[in-house]
Amino acid sequence: MANYFSLILVALTLITGLIWLVDSLVFAPKRKARLQAAATAEGAGYGEDPQLPYLVDTSQQIFPVIAFVLVLRSFLYEPFQIPSGSMMPTLLVGDFILVEKFAYGVKDPVFRSKLIETGVPERGDVVVFKYPEEPSIDYIKRVIGLPGDTVVYQNKQVYIKPKCETGNNCPKLKAVPLTFQERGEFVQDMAQLMRYTEDLGTVEHDILRHPVREISPVNFYTQPGTRSNEWIVPEGQYFVLGDNRDNSRDSRFWGFVPDANLVGKAVAIWISFEFERSPSDFLPTWVPTGVRFERAGGIH
């Protein structure tokens, strides 16, 4: 849907801009010349500019607005809504976030080819990307594995072996440190989820674990040459996980995120709504029941 909106914006910008340009170069001078000739024939001076045709007038008014919106959401920042709980507790259903579009390169809004290199994802970044199995859908997850890393997921624990740059004294596979925080703030399937703080080295963030649910490795994406719960991240791709580890469809199930699929980095929550209406309520369920002002701020 977001990609369709971009195409519509590009089309409207081009159409309104062309109408304005063609009128300014071709038709506007002819209208003025006709008005001048009529005024001269009547022995009067040249009066006001002729009234613009409706289509031209409308194009001149909306072109600057559409062009501004196109530049803003294509190259700077784009708003997204969080539709699911896969990134809890970092992001909740009803959070509206801002995504920095230029964080990982400036791309054209139609073909998404990279025009300018500006940076690459770092471990711990929360990224929005085109779902590799269905690129028309935007996903949001956290970057865990970088190109060249080995990632293992065993017994709900993440292990990472960073890429060996030199071939000598290579780092070993290590468990990502976890610190238990609490249990019971979030409930799923009548079970109190356990909250931990995960330390990725440069970023500390909270995750959730289901105390009972187990995900069998037979359901995981199997990379040729590795075990069913082990992945070696290819060059130019990334391994991502949801913070709600037992309720997230992520790289464990479908593989890696190519650099070309990256949309941007989630940097802030600008507003957050609660949606707690039941279908029997008078108002529709999409009407918010409250605003969570305390959630506004940066994303970590």
Protein backbone atom coordinates (compact mmCIF):
# COMPACT_ATOMS: atom_id res chain seq x y z
CA MET A 1 0.00 0.00 0.00
CA ALA A 2 2.81 2.41 0.89
CA ASN A 3 4.46 1.71 -2.48
CA TYR A 4 1.17 2.40 -4.31
CA PHE A 5 0.86 5.70 -2.46
CA SER A 6 4.39 6.64 -3.56
CA LEU A 7 3.51 5.89 -7.18
CA ILE A 8 0.36 8.00 -6.91
CA LEU A 9 2.35 10.89 -5.41
CA VAL A 10 4.95 10.69 -8.18
CA ALA A 11 2.26 10.58 -10.87
CA LEU A 12 0.34 13.53 -9.42
CA THR A 13 3.52 15.56 -9.02
CA LEU A 14 4.54 14.93 -12.63
CA ILE A 15 1.07 15.61 -14.05
CA THR A 16 0.43 18.84 -12.13
CA GLY A 17 3.98 20.04 -12.75
CA LEU A 18 3.74 19.39 -16.48
CA ILE A 19 0.38 21.14 -16.71
CA TRP A 20 1.83 24.19 -14.96
CA LEU A 21 5.00 24.15 -17.09
CA VAL A 22 3.24 23.71 -20.45
CA ASP A 23 0.73 26.43 -19.62
CA SER A 24 3.48 28.84 -18.56
CA LEU A 25 5.52 28.26 -21.72
CA VAL A 26 2.80 27.82 -24.36
CA PHE A 27 -0.75 28.80 -23.43
CA ALA A 28 -0.22 31.66 -20.96
CA PRO A 29 1.67 33.84 -23.51
CA LYS A 30 -1.08 33.20 -26.08
CA ARG A 31 -3.81 34.24 -23.62
CA LYS A 32 -1.93 37.43 -22.79
CA ALA A 33 -1.36 38.18 -26.47
CA ARG A 34 -5.07 37.77 -27.23
CA LEU A 35 -5.99 40.02 -24.31
CA GLN A 36 -3.45 42.63 -25.42
CA ALA A 37 -4.76 42.55 -28.99
CA ALA A 38 -8.34 42.96 -27.79
CA ALA A 39 -7.37 45.85 -25.54
CA THR A 40 -5.45 47.56 -28.37
CA ALA A 41 -8.39 47.21 -30.76
CA GLU A 42 -10.65 48.89 -28.25
CA GLY A 43 -8.12 51.64 -27.60
CA ALA A 44 -7.67 50.61 -24.00
CA GLY A 45 -4.58 49.70 -22.06
CA TYR A 46 -3.61 46.16 -21.14
CA GLY A 47 -5.65 45.12 -18.11
CA GLU A 48 -5.40 42.26 -15.65
CA ASP A 49 -4.05 38.85 -16.61
CA PRO A 50 -6.72 36.57 -18.07
CA GLN A 51 -8.42 34.16 -15.72
CA LEU A 52 -6.62 30.82 -15.55
CA PRO A 53 -8.41 27.69 -16.74
CA TYR A 54 -9.68 25.58 -13.84
CA LEU A 55 -7.24 22.70 -14.48
CA VAL A 56 -4.22 25.01 -14.63
CA ASP A 57 -5.30 26.95 -11.54
CA THR A 58 -5.80 23.73 -9.57
CA SER A 59 -2.44 22.34 -10.71
CA GLN A 60 -0.61 25.50 -9.64
CA GLN A 61 -2.18 25.34 -6.19
CA ILE A 62 -1.60 21.67 -5.40
CA PHE A 63 1.76 21.09 -7.14
CA PRO A 64 3.91 22.69 -4.38
CA VAL A 65 2.05 20.75 -1.67
CA ILE A 66 2.31 17.39 -3.44
CA ALA A 67 5.96 17.97 -4.35
CA PHE A 68 6.78 18.82 -0.73
CA VAL A 69 5.04 15.67 0.56
CA LEU A 70 6.79 13.55 -2.08
CA VAL A 71 10.24 14.83 -1.13
CA LEU A 72 9.50 14.51 2.60
CA ARG A 73 8.26 10.92 2.61
CA SER A 74 10.51 9.65 -0.18
CA PHE A 75 13.85 11.00 1.01
CA LEU A 76 13.50 12.23 4.60
CA TYR A 77 10.85 10.78 6.93
CA GLU A 78 7.78 8.61 6.47
CA PRO A 79 5.12 7.75 9.07
CA PHE A 80 4.12 4.14 9.73
CA GLN A 81 1.57 2.52 12.01
CA ILE A 82 2.39 -0.57 14.07
CA PRO A 83 -0.30 -3.16 13.26
CA SER A 84 0.87 -6.16 15.32
CA GLY A 85 2.58 -7.11 18.58
CA SER A 86 5.69 -8.73 17.08
CA MET A 87 7.93 -5.90 18.35
CA MET A 88 6.53 -5.70 21.89
CA PRO A 89 7.57 -4.32 24.32
CA THR A 90 9.55 -1.84 22.18
CA LEU A 91 6.59 -1.05 19.92
CA LEU A 92 2.91 -1.58 20.71
CA VAL A 93 -0.13 -1.92 18.51
CA GLY A 94 -1.35 1.63 17.91
CA ASP A 95 2.09 3.25 17.93
CA PHE A 96 2.68 5.67 15.05
CA ILE A 97 6.37 5.90 14.22
CA LEU A 98 8.69 7.97 12.06
CA VAL A 99 11.08 6.16 9.74
CA GLU A 100 14.27 7.88 8.62
CA LYS A 101 14.34 7.16 4.89
CA PHE A 102 17.91 8.36 4.24
CA ALA A 103 19.57 6.29 6.99
CA TYR A 104 20.63 3.48 4.63
CA GLY A 105 20.86 5.32 1.34
CA VAL A 106 18.83 7.74 -0.75
CA LYS A 107 16.57 5.78 -3.13
CA ASP A 108 14.28 6.86 -5.92
CA PRO A 109 10.60 6.48 -4.91
CA VAL A 110 9.51 4.41 -7.92
CA PHE A 111 12.16 1.76 -8.70
CA ARG A 112 13.87 2.00 -5.27
CA SER A 113 17.34 2.01 -6.81
CA LYS A 114 19.95 3.50 -4.51
CA LEU A 115 21.12 6.93 -5.65
CA ILE A 116 23.43 7.92 -2.79
CA GLU A 117 25.13 5.77 -0.13
CA THR A 118 24.57 7.22 3.34
CA GLY A 119 25.12 4.31 5.73
CA VAL A 120 24.38 0.68 6.58
CA PRO A 121 22.35 -0.93 9.38
CA GLU A 122 24.07 -1.57 12.69
CA ARG A 123 23.35 -4.37 15.11
CA GLY A 124 20.33 -3.40 17.20
CA ASP A 125 18.75 -1.02 14.68
CA VAL A 126 14.98 -1.23 14.33
CA VAL A 127 14.38 -1.27 10.59
CA VAL A 128 11.42 -1.14 8.22
CA PHE A 129 11.82 -3.24 5.09
CA LYS A 130 9.94 -4.83 2.22
CA TYR A 131 8.97 -8.36 3.25
CA PRO A 132 11.13 -10.58 0.99
CA GLU A 133 8.33 -13.09 0.36
CA GLU A 134 5.82 -10.34 -0.54
CA PRO A 135 7.54 -6.99 -1.25
CA SER A 136 4.27 -5.05 -1.28
CA ILE A 137 4.12 -5.52 2.53
CA ASP A 138 6.26 -3.48 4.95
CA TYR A 139 7.73 -5.31 7.97
CA ILE A 140 9.50 -3.92 11.03
CA LYS A 141 12.07 -5.92 13.01
CA ARG A 142 15.39 -5.52 14.81
CA VAL A 143 18.74 -6.20 13.13
CA ILE A 144 20.54 -9.02 14.95
CA GLY A 145 22.96 -10.43 12.39
CA LEU A 146 25.19 -8.41 10.05
CA PRO A 147 26.80 -9.66 6.80
CA GLY A 148 29.26 -12.44 7.60
CA ASP A 149 27.88 -13.13 11.09
CA THR A 150 26.86 -16.59 12.27
CA VAL A 151 23.59 -16.56 14.24
CA VAL A 152 22.25 -19.48 16.29
CA TYR A 153 18.84 -19.59 18.01
CA GLN A 154 18.59 -22.37 20.59
CA ASN A 155 16.28 -22.74 23.57
CA LYS A 156 15.04 -19.15 23.13
CA GLN A 157 18.63 -17.88 23.37
CA VAL A 158 20.41 -15.95 20.60
CA TYR A 159 24.08 -16.72 19.94
CA ILE A 160 26.22 -14.58 17.62
CA LYS A 161 29.64 -15.14 16.09
CA PRO A 162 30.69 -11.87 14.42
CA LYS A 163 32.29 -11.90 11.00
CA CYS A 164 36.00 -12.65 11.07
CA GLU A 165 37.71 -9.75 9.32
CA THR A 166 41.33 -10.97 9.35
CA GLY A 167 41.17 -14.77 9.47
CA ASN A 168 43.24 -14.81 12.66
CA ASN A 169 42.02 -14.73 16.27
CA CYS A 170 38.42 -14.85 15.09
CA PRO A 171 35.70 -14.23 17.70
CA LYS A 172 33.87 -17.28 19.03
CA LEU A 173 30.16 -17.99 19.13
CA LYS A 174 28.76 -16.31 22.26
CA ALA A 175 25.34 -16.05 23.84
CA VAL A 176 23.80 -12.57 23.79
CA PRO A 177 23.64 -11.48 27.46
CA LEU A 178 20.16 -11.35 29.01
CA THR A 179 18.93 -9.85 32.28
CA PHE A 180 15.52 -10.81 33.66
CA GLN A 181 13.32 -7.79 34.44
CA GLU A 182 9.77 -8.84 35.30
CA ARG A 183 6.85 -11.10 34.49
CA GLY A 184 3.18 -10.25 34.06
CA GLU A 185 3.12 -6.80 32.43
CA PHE A 186 2.15 -8.44 29.13
CA VAL A 187 -0.18 -11.42 28.75
CA GLN A 188 -0.55 -13.64 25.71
CA ASP A 189 -2.75 -16.74 25.41
CA MET A 190 -3.50 -16.43 29.14
CA ALA A 191 0.22 -16.70 29.94
CA GLN A 192 2.28 -13.99 31.64
CA LEU A 193 5.17 -13.10 29.35
CA MET A 194 8.68 -12.78 30.78
CA ARG A 195 10.54 -9.56 30.09
CA TYR A 196 14.32 -9.50 29.64
CA THR A 197 16.90 -6.88 28.72
CA GLU A 198 19.08 -8.04 25.83
CA ASP A 199 22.57 -6.57 25.39
CA LEU A 200 23.73 -6.51 21.77
CA GLY A 201 26.94 -4.66 22.64
CA THR A 202 26.08 -1.21 21.37
CA VAL A 203 22.35 -1.39 22.11
CA GLU A 204 20.37 -2.63 25.10
CA HIS A 205 16.68 -3.30 24.56
CA ASP A 206 13.87 -5.34 26.10
CA ILE A 207 12.41 -8.55 24.69
CA LEU A 208 9.52 -10.81 25.65
CA ARG A 209 9.47 -14.59 26.05
CA HIS A 210 6.49 -16.89 26.32
CA PRO A 211 7.01 -19.21 29.33
CA VAL A 212 5.42 -22.23 27.66
CA ARG A 213 5.38 -21.85 23.88
CA GLU A 214 8.21 -23.64 22.08
CA ILE A 215 9.03 -23.21 18.40
CA SER A 216 10.48 -26.33 16.82
CA PRO A 217 13.54 -25.79 14.59
CA VAL A 218 11.80 -27.86 11.89
CA ASN A 219 9.72 -24.72 11.23
CA PHE A 220 12.81 -22.58 10.67
CA TYR A 221 14.29 -21.52 7.36
CA THR A 222 17.08 -23.95 6.53
CA GLN A 223 20.15 -22.47 4.90
CA PRO A 224 22.14 -24.96 2.80
CA GLY A 225 25.24 -26.14 4.65
CA THR A 226 24.05 -25.18 8.15
CA ARG A 227 21.97 -26.68 10.93
CA SER A 228 18.24 -25.94 11.15
CA ASN A 229 18.77 -23.35 13.89
CA GLU A 230 21.95 -21.79 12.50
CA TRP A 231 22.38 -19.13 9.83
CA ILE A 232 25.40 -17.50 8.18
CA VAL A 233 24.38 -14.04 6.98
CA PRO A 234 25.30 -13.47 3.31
CA GLU A 235 27.00 -10.30 2.14
CA GLY A 236 24.57 -7.46 1.51
CA GLN A 237 21.86 -9.05 3.68
CA TYR A 238 20.72 -8.94 7.31
CA PHE A 239 19.23 -11.29 9.91
CA VAL A 240 16.31 -9.72 11.81
CA LEU A 241 14.18 -10.75 14.80
CA GLY A 242 11.06 -9.39 16.48
CA ASP A 243 11.43 -8.36 20.12
CA ASN A 244 8.38 -10.48 21.00
CA ARG A 245 10.39 -13.60 20.29
CA ASP A 246 7.62 -16.22 20.46
CA ASN A 247 5.13 -14.14 18.47
CA SER A 248 7.13 -12.89 15.50
CA ARG A 249 7.55 -14.16 11.96
CA ASP A 250 11.09 -13.10 11.14
CA SER A 251 14.40 -14.30 9.68
CA ARG A 252 14.15 -17.58 11.59
CA PHE A 253 11.27 -18.57 9.30
CA TRP A 254 11.96 -16.97 5.92
CA GLY A 255 15.64 -16.02 5.77
CA PHE A 256 17.46 -12.75 5.27
CA VAL A 257 16.63 -9.15 4.36
CA PRO A 258 18.51 -7.93 1.27
CA ASP A 259 19.90 -4.41 1.43
CA ALA A 260 17.69 -3.49 -1.53
CA ASN A 261 14.58 -4.21 0.59
CA LEU A 262 15.47 -1.76 3.35
CA VAL A 263 13.07 1.18 3.65
CA GLY A 264 14.65 3.01 6.58
CA LYS A 265 15.40 3.17 10.29
CA ALA A 266 12.62 3.57 12.85
CA VAL A 267 13.73 6.50 15.00
CA ALA A 268 10.76 7.80 17.00
CA ILE A 269 7.20 7.27 18.18
CA TRP A 270 5.31 10.48 17.45
CA ILE A 271 1.94 9.41 18.89
CA SER A 272 0.36 6.25 20.28
CA PHE A 273 -3.32 5.30 20.44
CA GLU A 274 -5.15 2.65 22.43
CA PHE A 275 -7.71 0.54 20.58
CA GLU A 276 -9.73 -1.39 23.16
CA ARG A 277 -13.27 -1.30 21.80
CA SER A 278 -15.25 -4.50 21.45
CA PRO A 279 -17.29 -5.24 18.30
CA SER A 280 -20.48 -4.65 20.31
CA ASP A 281 -19.57 -1.02 21.09
CA PHE A 282 -21.49 1.81 19.42
CA LEU A 283 -18.33 3.29 17.86
CA PRO A 284 -16.20 1.33 15.34
CA THR A 285 -13.20 -0.58 16.71
CA TRP A 286 -10.79 1.64 14.72
CA VAL A 287 -11.79 4.70 16.78
CA PRO A 288 -9.14 5.14 19.53
CA THR A 289 -10.15 4.74 23.17
CA GLY A 290 -7.22 6.80 24.44
CA VAL A 291 -3.85 8.39 23.73
CA ARG A 292 -0.61 7.10 25.31
CA PHE A 293 1.30 10.38 25.47
CA GLU A 294 4.05 8.81 27.59
CA ARG A 295 5.14 6.62 24.68
CA ALA A 296 6.20 9.52 22.47
CA GLY A 297 9.96 9.66 22.01
CA GLY A 298 12.95 7.85 20.54
CA ILE A 299 13.09 4.15 19.70
CA HIS A 300 15.88 2.02 21.16
